[in-house]
Protein backbone atom coordinates (compact mmCIF):
# COMPACT_ATOMS: atom_id res chain seq x y z
CA UNK A 1 202.21 123.00 -60.33
CA UNK A 2 200.06 120.51 -58.59
CA UNK A 3 199.77 116.58 -59.86
CA UNK A 4 196.76 116.86 -61.90
CA UNK A 5 198.11 119.17 -64.21
CA UNK A 6 201.59 117.18 -64.07
CA UNK A 7 199.95 114.02 -64.51
CA UNK A 8 198.01 115.87 -67.79
CA UNK A 9 201.13 117.14 -69.22
CA UNK A 10 202.67 113.62 -69.03
CA UNK A 11 199.59 111.97 -70.92
CA UNK A 12 200.00 114.59 -73.93
CA UNK A 13 203.77 114.36 -74.15
CA UNK A 14 204.12 110.47 -73.58
CA UNK A 15 203.68 109.81 -77.38
CA UNK A 16 207.26 111.55 -77.71
CA UNK A 17 208.86 109.14 -75.44
CA UNK A 18 210.79 106.53 -77.34
CA UNK A 19 210.01 103.34 -76.27
CA UNK A 20 213.47 101.26 -76.68
CA UNK A 21 212.66 98.72 -74.09
CA UNK A 22 210.67 96.60 -77.16
CA UNK A 23 209.11 93.47 -76.61
CA UNK A 24 212.18 91.51 -77.94
CA UNK A 25 214.49 93.08 -75.56
CA UNK A 26 215.65 90.54 -72.30
CA UNK A 27 212.89 91.04 -69.62
CA UNK A 28 214.33 92.92 -67.10
CA UNK A 29 215.05 91.37 -63.54
CA UNK A 30 213.80 92.12 -60.47
CA UNK A 31 217.10 93.12 -59.03
CA UNK A 32 217.24 95.42 -61.87
CA UNK A 33 214.01 97.19 -61.70
CA UNK A 34 214.48 97.74 -57.77
CA UNK A 35 218.18 99.24 -58.41
CA UNK A 36 216.42 101.84 -60.99
CA UNK A 37 213.51 102.82 -58.49
CA UNK A 38 216.43 103.32 -55.84
CA UNK A 39 218.27 105.18 -58.18
CA UNK A 40 215.27 107.72 -58.27
CA UNK A 41 216.14 109.02 -55.08
CA UNK A 42 219.56 109.61 -56.17
CA UNK A 43 221.49 112.62 -55.10
CA UNK A 44 222.64 113.18 -58.85
CA UNK A 45 219.96 114.75 -60.99
CA UNK A 46 221.23 113.37 -64.14
CA UNK A 47 220.77 109.96 -62.66
CA UNK A 48 217.44 110.27 -61.21
CA UNK A 49 216.81 111.74 -64.74
CA UNK A 50 218.02 108.13 -66.56
CA UNK A 51 216.35 105.84 -64.23
CA UNK A 52 213.14 107.66 -64.89
CA UNK A 53 213.56 106.97 -68.11
CA UNK A 54 214.58 103.85 -68.53
CA UNK A 55 211.56 102.28 -66.11
CA UNK A 56 209.18 104.24 -68.43
CA UNK A 57 210.69 102.44 -71.37
CA UNK A 58 210.28 98.85 -68.99
CA UNK A 59 206.77 99.81 -68.97
CA UNK A 60 204.41 97.51 -66.95
CA UNK A 61 206.80 95.00 -65.82
CA UNK A 62 207.75 97.67 -63.17
CA UNK A 63 204.28 98.56 -62.34
CA UNK A 64 204.37 96.39 -59.44
CA UNK A 65 207.69 97.65 -57.87
CA UNK A 66 206.70 101.11 -58.67
CA UNK A 67 203.18 101.11 -57.00
CA UNK A 68 205.04 99.65 -53.94
CA UNK A 69 207.75 102.73 -54.11
CA UNK A 70 205.34 105.29 -54.87
CA UNK A 71 203.98 104.71 -50.88
CA UNK A 72 207.59 105.03 -49.46
CA UNK A 73 208.97 107.07 -47.50
CA UNK A 74 211.45 109.55 -49.97
CA UNK A 75 208.72 112.37 -51.51
CA UNK A 76 211.56 112.18 -54.54
CA UNK A 77 210.48 108.95 -55.16
CA UNK A 78 207.20 108.62 -54.36
CA UNK A 79 206.66 111.67 -57.22
CA UNK A 80 208.60 109.92 -59.92
CA UNK A 81 206.85 106.86 -59.43
CA UNK A 82 203.70 108.23 -59.39
CA UNK A 83 204.98 110.23 -63.14
CA UNK A 84 206.21 107.10 -64.33
CA UNK A 85 202.77 105.13 -63.32
CA UNK A 86 201.00 107.74 -64.99
CA UNK A 87 203.07 107.72 -68.40
CA UNK A 88 202.70 103.76 -68.22
CA UNK A 89 199.18 103.37 -68.05
CA UNK A 90 198.27 106.23 -70.63
CA UNK A 91 200.98 103.86 -72.84
CA UNK A 92 199.32 100.87 -71.90
CA UNK A 93 195.50 101.72 -72.15
CA UNK A 94 195.67 105.14 -74.85
CA UNK A 95 191.82 105.42 -74.35
CA UNK A 96 189.85 107.03 -77.47
CA UNK A 97 189.73 110.89 -77.90
CA UNK A 98 185.90 110.99 -77.31
CA UNK A 99 186.24 108.55 -74.25
CA UNK A 100 188.90 110.99 -72.73
CA UNK A 101 186.29 114.05 -73.17
CA UNK A 102 183.98 112.26 -71.13
CA UNK A 103 186.30 111.00 -68.59
CA UNK A 104 189.48 113.59 -68.42
CA UNK A 105 190.56 112.38 -64.95
CA UNK A 106 190.50 108.36 -65.92
CA UNK A 107 193.92 107.72 -66.13
CA UNK A 108 194.32 109.01 -62.79
CA UNK A 109 191.65 107.32 -61.27
CA UNK A 110 192.36 103.92 -62.21
CA UNK A 111 196.08 104.45 -60.48
CA UNK A 112 194.57 105.14 -57.39
CA UNK A 113 191.28 102.85 -57.20
CA UNK A 114 191.28 99.35 -56.33
CA UNK A 115 189.64 96.76 -58.21
CA UNK A 116 185.59 97.43 -56.96
CA UNK A 117 186.49 101.41 -57.70
CA UNK A 118 187.69 100.59 -61.04
CA UNK A 119 184.71 98.31 -61.69
CA UNK A 120 182.27 101.19 -60.84
CA UNK A 121 183.64 102.95 -63.85
CA UNK A 122 183.18 100.18 -66.37
CA UNK A 123 179.30 99.94 -64.90
CA UNK A 124 178.53 103.87 -65.13
CA UNK A 125 180.30 103.65 -68.77
CA UNK A 126 177.89 100.72 -69.75
CA UNK A 127 174.84 101.44 -67.47
CA UNK A 128 171.88 101.57 -69.87
CA UNK A 129 169.15 104.49 -68.53
CA UNK A 130 165.29 104.97 -70.19
CA UNK A 131 166.99 107.20 -73.14
CA UNK A 132 169.58 104.10 -73.90
CA UNK A 133 173.13 104.12 -73.63
CA UNK A 134 174.72 107.71 -72.28
CA UNK A 135 178.03 107.04 -73.71
CA UNK A 136 177.46 104.75 -76.76
CA UNK A 137 178.74 107.31 -79.17
CA UNK A 138 181.71 108.58 -77.05
CA UNK A 139 182.96 104.83 -75.95
CA UNK A 140 184.39 102.07 -78.18
CA UNK A 141 184.58 98.16 -77.86
CA UNK A 142 188.21 99.36 -77.53
CA UNK A 143 187.73 101.46 -74.54
CA UNK A 144 185.82 98.85 -72.99
CA UNK A 145 187.68 96.11 -73.83
CA UNK A 146 191.03 98.41 -72.03
CA UNK A 147 188.56 99.21 -69.21
CA UNK A 148 188.05 95.09 -68.56
CA UNK A 149 191.72 94.52 -69.12
CA UNK A 150 192.55 96.96 -66.30
CA UNK A 151 190.09 95.39 -63.86
CA UNK A 152 190.83 91.73 -64.63
CA UNK A 153 194.62 92.14 -64.87
CA UNK A 154 195.11 90.18 -61.50
CA UNK A 155 192.32 87.62 -62.50
CA UNK A 156 189.86 89.88 -60.69
CA UNK A 157 191.09 89.97 -57.10
CA UNK A 158 188.97 92.19 -54.81
CA UNK A 159 186.03 91.77 -56.78
CA UNK A 160 182.89 90.51 -55.41
CA UNK A 161 181.28 87.27 -57.48
CA UNK A 162 178.58 89.54 -58.43
CA UNK A 163 180.89 92.02 -59.73
CA UNK A 164 182.66 89.53 -61.65
CA UNK A 165 179.76 88.30 -63.84
CA UNK A 166 178.72 92.35 -64.13
CA UNK A 167 182.61 92.65 -65.69
CA UNK A 168 181.27 89.70 -68.27
CA UNK A 169 177.89 91.41 -68.64
CA UNK A 170 179.52 94.64 -70.10
CA UNK A 171 180.46 92.31 -73.21
CA UNK A 172 176.90 92.01 -74.03
CA UNK A 173 176.61 88.71 -72.45
CA UNK A 174 173.91 87.45 -70.02
CA UNK A 175 174.07 84.80 -67.31
CA UNK A 176 172.40 81.99 -70.24
CA UNK A 177 175.21 83.08 -72.79
CA UNK A 178 172.50 84.80 -75.16
CA UNK A 179 173.11 88.40 -76.36
CA UNK A 180 171.75 91.38 -74.32
CA UNK A 181 172.34 94.94 -74.49
CA UNK A 182 175.12 95.19 -72.03
CA UNK A 183 176.78 97.54 -74.03
CA UNK A 184 175.43 98.45 -77.71
CA UNK A 185 177.32 95.54 -78.83
CA UNK A 186 178.76 92.30 -78.22
CA UNK A 187 182.51 92.91 -77.38
CA UNK A 188 184.83 90.03 -78.59
CA UNK A 189 187.88 91.85 -78.31
CA UNK A 190 187.63 91.53 -74.34
CA UNK A 191 187.91 87.71 -74.56
CA UNK A 192 191.81 87.12 -73.56
CA UNK A 193 190.55 89.43 -70.24
CA UNK A 194 187.32 87.46 -69.43
CA UNK A 195 188.97 84.06 -70.12
CA UNK A 196 191.07 84.70 -66.76
CA UNK A 197 187.99 83.97 -65.03
CA UNK A 198 187.44 80.69 -66.18
CA UNK A 199 189.54 79.49 -63.13
CA UNK A 200 187.34 81.41 -60.95
CA UNK A 201 186.72 79.22 -57.85
CA UNK A 202 182.89 80.74 -57.72
CA UNK A 203 180.80 78.33 -59.93
CA UNK A 204 178.35 80.92 -60.72
CA UNK A 205 181.15 83.44 -62.41
CA UNK A 206 183.11 80.06 -63.85
CA UNK A 207 179.71 78.94 -65.92
CA UNK A 208 178.55 82.50 -66.80
CA UNK A 209 182.34 83.07 -68.38
CA UNK A 210 182.06 79.80 -70.39
CA UNK A 211 178.93 80.36 -71.42
CA UNK A 212 179.67 84.20 -72.53
CA UNK A 213 182.79 82.98 -74.44
CA UNK A 214 180.50 80.69 -76.46
CA UNK A 215 178.24 83.55 -77.54
CA UNK A 216 181.27 85.54 -78.10
CA UNK A 217 182.44 82.47 -80.42
CA UNK A 218 186.07 82.21 -78.45
CA UNK A 219 187.56 79.39 -80.34
CA UNK A 220 190.97 80.55 -78.68
CA UNK A 221 189.29 79.69 -75.04
CA UNK A 222 188.39 75.72 -76.35
CA UNK A 223 191.67 74.34 -74.46
CA UNK A 224 190.92 76.25 -70.95
CA UNK A 225 187.40 75.20 -71.45
CA UNK A 226 187.66 71.67 -71.94
CA UNK A 227 189.84 71.45 -68.84
CA UNK A 228 186.46 72.42 -66.91
CA UNK A 229 184.43 69.23 -68.12
CA UNK A 230 186.60 67.46 -64.85
CA UNK A 231 185.35 70.30 -62.70
CA UNK A 232 183.45 69.10 -59.57
CA UNK A 233 180.99 71.85 -60.52
CA UNK A 234 177.75 70.32 -62.45
CA UNK A 235 177.10 73.38 -63.22
CA UNK A 236 180.56 74.25 -64.76
CA UNK A 237 180.81 70.72 -66.33
CA UNK A 238 177.10 71.52 -67.74
CA UNK A 239 177.90 74.55 -69.30
CA UNK A 240 181.47 73.82 -70.47
CA UNK A 241 180.55 70.67 -72.43
CA UNK A 242 177.43 72.30 -74.30
CA UNK A 243 179.85 75.37 -75.36
CA UNK A 244 182.25 72.98 -76.77
CA UNK A 245 179.88 72.11 -78.80
CA UNK A 246 178.62 75.34 -80.10
CA UNK A 247 182.45 76.18 -80.80
CA UNK A 248 182.38 73.25 -82.99
CA UNK A 249 185.67 71.73 -80.34
CA UNK A 250 185.69 68.54 -82.63
CA UNK A 251 189.29 68.00 -81.01
CA UNK A 252 187.69 67.72 -77.30
CA UNK A 253 185.28 64.94 -78.56
CA UNK A 254 187.74 61.94 -76.53
CA UNK A 255 187.06 64.24 -73.39
CA UNK A 256 183.65 64.80 -73.87
CA UNK A 257 182.95 61.35 -74.30
CA UNK A 258 183.56 60.00 -70.29
CA UNK A 259 181.09 62.99 -69.29
CA UNK A 260 178.35 60.35 -71.02
CA UNK A 261 178.77 58.53 -67.31
CA UNK A 262 177.98 61.58 -65.96
CA UNK A 263 176.43 61.22 -62.14
CA UNK A 264 173.78 64.25 -63.20
CA UNK A 265 171.64 63.04 -66.10
CA UNK A 266 171.49 66.71 -67.54
CA UNK A 267 174.99 66.45 -68.03
CA UNK A 268 174.91 63.01 -70.01
CA UNK A 269 172.18 64.91 -71.85
CA UNK A 270 174.67 67.40 -73.16
CA UNK A 271 177.40 65.81 -73.66
CA UNK A 272 175.33 63.18 -76.16
CA UNK A 273 173.88 66.58 -77.72
CA UNK A 274 177.20 67.87 -77.96
CA UNK A 275 178.56 64.66 -79.56
CA UNK A 276 175.86 64.31 -82.12
CA UNK A 277 176.27 68.13 -83.03
CA UNK A 278 180.13 67.79 -83.35
CA UNK A 279 179.29 64.42 -85.72
CA UNK A 280 181.00 61.92 -83.47
CA UNK A 281 179.87 58.50 -84.26
CA UNK A 282 182.97 56.83 -82.41
CA UNK A 283 180.75 57.66 -79.24
CA UNK A 284 177.22 56.11 -80.38
CA UNK A 285 178.23 53.02 -78.36
CA UNK A 286 178.07 54.56 -75.45
CA UNK A 287 174.85 57.01 -76.36
CA UNK A 288 172.84 54.05 -76.94
CA UNK A 289 173.57 52.95 -73.16
CA UNK A 290 171.59 56.13 -72.17
CA UNK A 291 168.73 54.85 -73.53
CA UNK A 292 167.89 52.67 -70.27
CA UNK A 293 168.50 55.70 -68.11
CA UNK A 294 166.88 58.72 -66.58
CA UNK A 295 164.74 60.40 -69.05
CA UNK A 296 166.86 63.18 -69.35
CA UNK A 297 169.67 61.16 -70.52
CA UNK A 298 167.18 59.69 -72.76
CA UNK A 299 166.30 62.61 -74.90
CA UNK A 300 169.77 63.71 -75.24
CA UNK A 301 170.66 59.99 -76.42
CA UNK A 302 167.89 60.13 -79.23
CA UNK A 303 168.43 63.47 -80.46
CA UNK A 304 171.77 62.71 -80.94
CA UNK A 305 171.50 59.46 -82.36
CA UNK A 306 169.38 60.80 -85.33
CA UNK A 307 171.88 63.52 -85.75
CA UNK A 308 174.59 60.89 -85.91
CA UNK A 309 172.48 58.93 -88.61
CA UNK A 310 172.31 55.62 -86.18
CA UNK A 311 169.43 54.04 -88.42
CA UNK A 312 169.57 50.60 -86.82
CA UNK A 313 167.86 52.34 -83.59
CA UNK A 314 165.17 53.45 -86.07
CA UNK A 315 162.94 50.33 -84.34
CA UNK A 316 163.97 51.65 -81.00
CA UNK A 317 162.97 54.77 -81.48
CA UNK A 318 159.62 54.09 -83.05
CA UNK A 319 158.92 52.01 -79.57
CA UNK A 320 159.88 55.18 -78.04
CA UNK A 321 156.99 57.25 -79.86
CA UNK A 322 154.70 55.63 -77.07
CA UNK A 323 156.97 57.44 -73.99
CA UNK A 324 155.88 60.81 -73.29
CA UNK A 325 159.10 61.51 -71.57
CA UNK A 326 160.98 61.58 -75.10
CA UNK A 327 158.16 61.37 -77.64
CA UNK A 328 159.18 64.61 -79.59
CA UNK A 329 162.86 63.75 -79.35
CA UNK A 330 161.98 60.32 -80.95
CA UNK A 331 159.57 61.77 -83.68
CA UNK A 332 162.63 64.47 -84.24
CA UNK A 333 165.13 61.53 -84.53
CA UNK A 334 163.04 59.66 -87.13
CA UNK A 335 162.74 62.97 -89.16
CA UNK A 336 166.56 63.48 -88.96
CA UNK A 337 166.71 59.73 -90.20
CA UNK A 338 164.78 60.15 -93.35
CA UNK A 339 162.55 57.21 -91.64
CA UNK A 340 159.49 57.39 -93.75
CA UNK A 341 158.67 54.07 -92.94
CA UNK A 342 157.60 55.62 -89.25
CA UNK A 343 154.75 57.74 -90.66
CA UNK A 344 152.05 55.91 -89.60
CA UNK A 345 153.27 55.83 -86.26
CA UNK A 346 154.18 59.66 -86.11
CA UNK A 347 150.24 60.22 -87.43
CA UNK A 348 149.39 58.84 -84.34
CA UNK A 349 151.17 60.99 -82.40
CA UNK A 350 148.66 63.66 -83.30
CA UNK A 351 146.22 61.88 -81.34
CA UNK A 352 148.42 63.58 -78.38
CA UNK A 353 147.01 66.43 -76.50
CA UNK A 354 150.61 67.54 -75.43
CA UNK A 355 151.60 70.54 -77.18
CA UNK A 356 155.56 69.71 -78.29
CA UNK A 357 154.56 66.44 -79.15
CA UNK A 358 152.04 67.89 -81.66
CA UNK A 359 154.72 70.49 -82.90
CA UNK A 360 157.62 68.21 -83.33
CA UNK A 361 155.02 65.54 -85.48
CA UNK A 362 153.45 68.18 -87.83
CA UNK A 363 157.14 69.39 -88.45
CA UNK A 364 158.35 65.89 -89.40
CA UNK A 365 155.18 64.86 -91.00
CA UNK A 366 155.29 67.99 -93.09
CA UNK A 367 158.88 67.55 -93.92
CA UNK A 368 157.91 63.72 -95.07
CA UNK A 369 155.27 65.47 -97.00
CA UNK A 370 152.84 63.06 -95.56
CA UNK A 371 149.34 64.57 -96.99
CA UNK A 372 147.61 61.48 -95.03
CA UNK A 373 148.09 63.50 -92.01
CA UNK A 374 145.77 66.13 -92.82
CA UNK A 375 142.60 65.10 -91.46
CA UNK A 376 144.40 64.50 -87.98
CA UNK A 377 146.15 68.21 -88.27
CA UNK A 378 143.11 70.25 -89.03
CA UNK A 379 141.40 68.96 -85.47
CA UNK A 380 144.08 71.01 -83.32
CA UNK A 381 142.66 74.27 -84.75
CA UNK A 382 141.10 74.83 -81.85
CA UNK A 383 144.30 73.50 -79.35
CA UNK A 384 144.44 75.80 -76.50
CA UNK A 385 148.50 76.38 -77.41
CA UNK A 386 149.27 79.08 -79.36
CA UNK A 387 152.23 77.44 -80.78
CA UNK A 388 150.27 74.26 -81.69
CA UNK A 389 147.39 76.20 -83.85
CA UNK A 390 150.26 78.26 -85.40
CA UNK A 391 151.62 74.78 -86.33
CA UNK A 392 148.83 73.92 -87.79
CA UNK A 393 148.42 76.58 -89.94
CA UNK A 394 152.03 76.51 -91.33
CA UNK A 395 151.43 72.50 -91.70
CA UNK A 396 148.05 73.02 -93.69
CA UNK A 397 150.18 75.51 -95.90
CA UNK A 398 152.65 73.06 -96.74
CA UNK A 399 150.76 69.82 -96.95
CA UNK A 400 147.68 70.89 -98.91
CA UNK A 401 148.21 74.38 -100.15
CA UNK A 402 145.17 75.97 -101.81
CA UNK A 403 143.44 73.22 -101.39
CA UNK A 404 142.98 73.35 -97.91
CA UNK A 405 142.61 77.37 -97.77
CA UNK A 406 138.99 77.06 -96.17
CA UNK A 407 140.49 75.66 -93.50
CA UNK A 408 143.05 78.43 -93.22
CA UNK A 409 140.98 80.97 -93.61
CA UNK A 410 139.25 79.40 -90.41
CA UNK A 411 142.40 80.91 -88.66
CA UNK A 412 141.65 84.35 -89.43
CA UNK A 413 138.91 84.43 -86.64
CA UNK A 414 141.50 83.03 -84.24
CA UNK A 415 141.71 85.25 -81.16
CA UNK A 416 144.93 85.53 -81.06
CA UNK A 417 146.75 88.11 -83.46
CA UNK A 418 149.56 86.08 -84.01
CA UNK A 419 147.75 83.31 -85.55
CA UNK A 420 145.51 85.49 -87.64
CA UNK A 421 148.70 87.09 -88.81
CA UNK A 422 150.19 83.65 -89.51
CA UNK A 423 147.14 82.46 -91.57
CA UNK A 424 147.20 85.81 -93.46
CA UNK A 425 150.83 85.49 -94.64
CA UNK A 426 150.21 81.87 -95.33
CA UNK A 427 147.34 82.57 -97.62
CA UNK A 428 149.08 85.37 -99.57
CA UNK A 429 152.28 82.91 -100.18
CA UNK A 430 149.45 80.45 -101.83
CA UNK A 431 148.08 83.54 -103.62
CA UNK A 432 145.42 84.11 -102.13
CA UNK A 433 145.37 87.42 -101.02
CA UNK A 434 142.31 88.51 -102.27
CA UNK A 435 140.32 86.50 -99.24
CA UNK A 436 142.05 88.42 -96.61
CA UNK A 437 139.44 91.20 -94.91
CA UNK A 438 141.01 94.34 -94.06
CA UNK A 439 141.11 94.25 -90.46
CA UNK A 440 144.04 91.42 -90.94
CA UNK A 441 146.31 94.24 -92.14
CA UNK A 442 146.97 95.32 -88.06
CA UNK A 443 147.57 91.70 -87.25
CA UNK A 444 150.66 91.79 -90.28
CA UNK A 445 151.77 95.05 -88.85
CA UNK A 446 151.79 93.93 -85.54
CA UNK A 447 154.04 90.85 -86.74
CA UNK A 448 156.00 92.83 -88.69
CA UNK A 449 156.47 95.32 -85.57
CA UNK A 450 157.18 93.28 -82.61
CA UNK A 451 157.57 89.26 -83.85
CA UNK A 452 161.47 88.47 -84.75
CA UNK A 453 159.83 84.76 -86.09
CA UNK A 454 157.85 86.25 -88.55
CA UNK A 455 158.77 89.59 -89.10
CA UNK A 456 160.18 89.35 -92.72
CA UNK A 457 157.38 87.09 -94.02
CA UNK A 458 155.01 89.55 -92.64
CA UNK A 459 156.69 92.56 -94.44
CA UNK A 460 156.66 90.32 -97.63
CA UNK A 461 152.76 90.21 -97.02
CA UNK A 462 152.01 93.71 -96.40
CA UNK A 463 154.19 94.47 -99.58
CA UNK A 464 152.17 92.37 -101.53
CA UNK A 465 149.04 93.91 -100.14
CA UNK A 466 149.68 97.11 -100.94
CA UNK A 467 149.73 97.88 -97.32
CA UNK A 468 152.09 100.56 -95.74
CA UNK A 469 155.09 98.96 -93.69
CA UNK A 470 156.09 100.17 -90.55
CA UNK A 471 159.73 99.43 -90.00
CA UNK A 472 160.31 99.14 -85.98
CA UNK A 473 161.78 101.89 -84.62
CA UNK A 474 165.27 101.53 -83.21
CA UNK A 475 166.14 101.36 -79.41
C-alpha cells in the first residue's frame, strides 16, 4: 500500500481516534514528546503503537517535533511521524466534503508544502476568472479560514510582502480597507489569523491588515491596533487611528489624543476626525490648536469641532468660509452645529466656482431650508461638474418643490444621463410624472441598473411611471 493510500485511510478513520488529550489536560513537555518520538522506533511493536496513539492525541503541540522526526534516519520513525502528522492535520483542519472532493490531496499537499506553496493553493481556490469564482459553491468560508490559519500559523514566515497582502485580500478586503470580491463574501472568521500580521515589519502589510480588520469589524483587534499608534511608520499610524474610529474604540481616546501633535499633518487630520467621531469632547482644547496649523490638519479639526458641538467656535468657522483650503469643512461644521445665523454667509459661498464648496453649501442650505438661497443655486444648473448639477436638482426639489418644476425640468435636457434621470426622479417624487417625456425612461433604467446612489429611487420612479423594471444581473 503506497503512502497516499495510507494517508487516505488515516483521513477517513481519524474520527475513530478517541482524543483523550483534551484542552484541559496539562500541556505535554518537550522532553515527554521527544521520549514518545524516540519510542516510535522501539523494538516492541506494542510500545510503538502506544507512542503513536499518544502523539496523535497530543496533536498540534507535537507537530514541530514530528516534522523533524519525519526527516530522520530511522525509516520506522519517519513513517510513523508522517502518519501522525496526517492524523493531526485532518483533525485540525477538517475541510468540508465539497472542498475535499475538489482537492482530494489537500492534506498531503499542506504537509509537504512550504508557506509560498500553501499560499498558491489559497490563490487558486479564490481566484476569479471571467466566469466568476470557479469554486464558489464548493468551498466554504470555513475552508478559506482554515487555509489562511495554516498559512499564517507562524505569522507568515517565508511569504513575501505581496503574498501576505494576498492572504488578507482573500478575506474580501482591498488595500484601502474596502470590500472587494476577493472571495464571494467577507471572511470575518479569519480575523484571529490575520491579526498575526499586525506586527509585520513591512509597513504595507501592517497598514493593509489594519484596514482589513476595520472592514471586518474586528473589535478584538482594538488593543493590538491601539499599540500601533506609536509606530515609526506614518502609514501604519494613519491606518490605525482611522480604523479605531471605524471600530468605535472609545477606550483608545487617551492614546489617540497625542497623535494630534504628530509631525505628519494627515495623521493629525485623521486623529481629529476619529476623536470627533468618538465624541471625545475632552480633546476639544487640543483640536482647536490645529486651526493654526497645516491646512490638512485644519480640515480634520474643523470637521471634528462640528461633530463635538463646539458652538464657541462658530465665529471662527464663519471666517473660515473665506478660506478655500477649508471652506467645505467649515460649511459642514456650521451645518452640524445648527448655525442658522450663518446662512447669509453660506449663501455667499454659492458665488464660488469650486464644486466641493458648492455641493456642501447646497447640502447645508437645504438642511436649513434656506429658500432665500434658491436664486444662487439655480445659476449652477449649467455647472461643468455633473455632481454639482445633481446637487442643484436635489436642492431645488427640496427647497422649492412644485414651484420650481420649470427649473428642474430644464435638467431633463442635460447632456448627462445621471442628471436627466435624477431630474425625472425628483419630478416623480413631487407628483409631476406627467411632465416627464418617454425618452427619459431609458435614463431611469440606466440609473436603476448601474448607479448605486440612485438605484432604489430610480426603481420607485419607474414603478410609478408604469415602466418595466430591469433588475441588475448578479455577477
